[in-house]
Amino acid sequence: MKETYGEMEIDEARLKAADPDGLYLFMLEQYPYMMTPDNVAAFTGTTGQEIRKLLNKGEMQGCRIGIRWLIPKLGP
């Protein structure tokens, strides 16, 4: 089943395939499909600044729109 987030289509099957045991997806349900560094930090128990450092170094994937980083629940 595919949902949409804004104009973007979300492929639920791909999300479930990324977490076949269902350990994490239920915990991410409260977060938007495109998460901010602060969303990721809250989930991982770190800080938004640490997440932005990882994004800037290329150690975490996300997209930058202007000065704002967005991280999809499912990486490419």
C-alpha atoms as a PDB file:
ATOM      1  CA  MET A   1       0.000   0.000   0.000  1.00  0.00           C
ATOM      2  CA  LYS A   2       1.334   3.419  -0.934  1.00  0.00           C
ATOM      3  CA  GLU A   3       0.606   6.573   1.035  1.00  0.00           C
ATOM      4  CA  THR A   4       1.597  10.107   0.251  1.00  0.00           C
ATOM      5  CA  TYR A   5       3.529  12.643   2.271  1.00  0.00           C
ATOM      6  CA  GLY A   6       2.849  15.998   0.675  1.00  0.00           C
ATOM      7  CA  GLU A   7       3.408  15.263  -2.994  1.00  0.00           C
ATOM      8  CA  MET A   8       5.797  12.380  -2.277  1.00  0.00           C
ATOM      9  CA  GLU A   9       4.616   8.795  -2.429  1.00  0.00           C
ATOM     10  CA  ILE A  10       5.601   6.503   0.442  1.00  0.00           C
ATOM     11  CA  ASP A  11       6.153   2.842  -0.386  1.00  0.00           C
ATOM     12  CA  GLU A  12       5.056   0.937   2.723  1.00  0.00           C
ATOM     13  CA  ALA A  13       6.428  -2.361   1.318  1.00  0.00           C
ATOM     14  CA  ARG A  14       9.947  -0.874   1.100  1.00  0.00           C
ATOM     15  CA  LEU A  15       9.681   0.477   4.622  1.00  0.00           C
ATOM     16  CA  LYS A  16       8.676  -2.953   5.926  1.00  0.00           C
ATOM     17  CA  ALA A  17      11.456  -4.636   3.936  1.00  0.00           C
ATOM     18  CA  ALA A  18      13.980  -2.311   5.623  1.00  0.00           C
ATOM     19  CA  ASP A  19      12.844  -3.615   9.020  1.00  0.00           C
ATOM     20  CA  PRO A  20      11.669  -7.215   8.401  1.00  0.00           C
ATOM     21  CA  ASP A  21      11.408  -8.051  12.095  1.00  0.00           C
ATOM     22  CA  GLY A  22       9.336  -4.939  12.794  1.00  0.00           C
ATOM     23  CA  LEU A  23      11.644  -3.790  15.556  1.00  0.00           C
ATOM     24  CA  TYR A  24      11.809  -0.108  14.686  1.00  0.00           C
ATOM     25  CA  LEU A  25       9.045   0.944  12.295  1.00  0.00           C
ATOM     26  CA  PHE A  26       6.365   1.033  14.972  1.00  0.00           C
ATOM     27  CA  MET A  27       8.588   3.360  17.008  1.00  0.00           C
ATOM     28  CA  LEU A  28       8.975   5.690  14.015  1.00  0.00           C
ATOM     29  CA  GLU A  29       5.225   5.989  13.322  1.00  0.00           C
ATOM     30  CA  GLN A  30       4.944   9.238  15.285  1.00  0.00           C
ATOM     31  CA  TYR A  31       7.600  10.896  13.111  1.00  0.00           C
ATOM     32  CA  PRO A  32       7.024  12.342   9.622  1.00  0.00           C
ATOM     33  CA  TYR A  33       8.384  10.451   6.608  1.00  0.00           C
ATOM     34  CA  MET A  34      11.016  13.170   6.093  1.00  0.00           C
ATOM     35  CA  MET A  35      12.529  13.684   9.540  1.00  0.00           C
ATOM     36  CA  THR A  36      14.561  16.632  10.779  1.00  0.00           C
ATOM     37  CA  PRO A  37      17.887  16.138  12.558  1.00  0.00           C
ATOM     38  CA  ASP A  38      16.055  16.853  15.829  1.00  0.00           C
ATOM     39  CA  ASN A  39      13.531  14.065  15.059  1.00  0.00           C
ATOM     40  CA  VAL A  40      16.381  11.618  14.405  1.00  0.00           C
ATOM     41  CA  ALA A  41      18.186  12.796  17.544  1.00  0.00           C
ATOM     42  CA  ALA A  42      15.093  12.200  19.675  1.00  0.00           C
ATOM     43  CA  PHE A  43      14.781   8.673  18.259  1.00  0.00           C
ATOM     44  CA  THR A  44      18.471   7.798  18.628  1.00  0.00           C
ATOM     45  CA  GLY A  45      19.115   9.546  21.943  1.00  0.00           C
ATOM     46  CA  THR A  46      21.738  11.987  20.633  1.00  0.00           C
ATOM     47  CA  THR A  47      21.573  15.679  19.745  1.00  0.00           C
ATOM     48  CA  GLY A  48      20.449  17.427  16.588  1.00  0.00           C
ATOM     49  CA  GLN A  49      23.943  18.889  16.329  1.00  0.00           C
ATOM     50  CA  GLU A  50      25.500  15.395  16.289  1.00  0.00           C
ATOM     51  CA  ILE A  51      23.085  14.301  13.546  1.00  0.00           C
ATOM     52  CA  ARG A  52      23.930  17.405  11.465  1.00  0.00           C
ATOM     53  CA  LYS A  53      27.651  16.617  11.861  1.00  0.00           C
ATOM     54  CA  LEU A  54      27.044  13.094  10.529  1.00  0.00           C
ATOM     55  CA  LEU A  55      25.062  14.499   7.609  1.00  0.00           C
ATOM     56  CA  ASN A  56      27.760  17.061   6.761  1.00  0.00           C
ATOM     57  CA  LYS A  57      30.465  14.368   6.865  1.00  0.00           C
ATOM     58  CA  GLY A  58      28.401  12.089   4.604  1.00  0.00           C
ATOM     59  CA  GLU A  59      28.184   9.404   7.293  1.00  0.00           C
ATOM     60  CA  MET A  60      24.383   9.672   7.271  1.00  0.00           C
ATOM     61  CA  GLN A  61      22.253  10.219   4.202  1.00  0.00           C
ATOM     62  CA  GLY A  62      19.743  13.012   3.906  1.00  0.00           C
ATOM     63  CA  CYS A  63      18.909  15.894   1.612  1.00  0.00           C
ATOM     64  CA  ARG A  64      19.619  19.508   2.184  1.00  0.00           C
ATOM     65  CA  ILE A  65      17.040  22.111   1.245  1.00  0.00           C
ATOM     66  CA  GLY A  66      18.589  25.517   1.784  1.00  0.00           C
ATOM     67  CA  ILE A  67      20.036  25.322   5.285  1.00  0.00           C
ATOM     68  CA  ARG A  68      17.605  22.632   6.439  1.00  0.00           C
ATOM     69  CA  TRP A  69      18.419  18.914   6.467  1.00  0.00           C
ATOM     70  CA  LEU A  70      15.728  16.269   5.938  1.00  0.00           C
ATOM     71  CA  ILE A  71      16.281  12.556   6.500  1.00  0.00           C
ATOM     72  CA  PRO A  72      13.883   9.951   5.077  1.00  0.00           C
ATOM     73  CA  LYS A  73      12.821   7.062   7.300  1.00  0.00           C
ATOM     74  CA  LEU A  74      14.174   4.776   4.594  1.00  0.00           C
ATOM     75  CA  GLY A  75      17.519   5.521   2.970  1.00  0.00           C
ATOM     76  CA  PRO A  76      18.088   5.050  -0.778  1.00  0.00           C
END
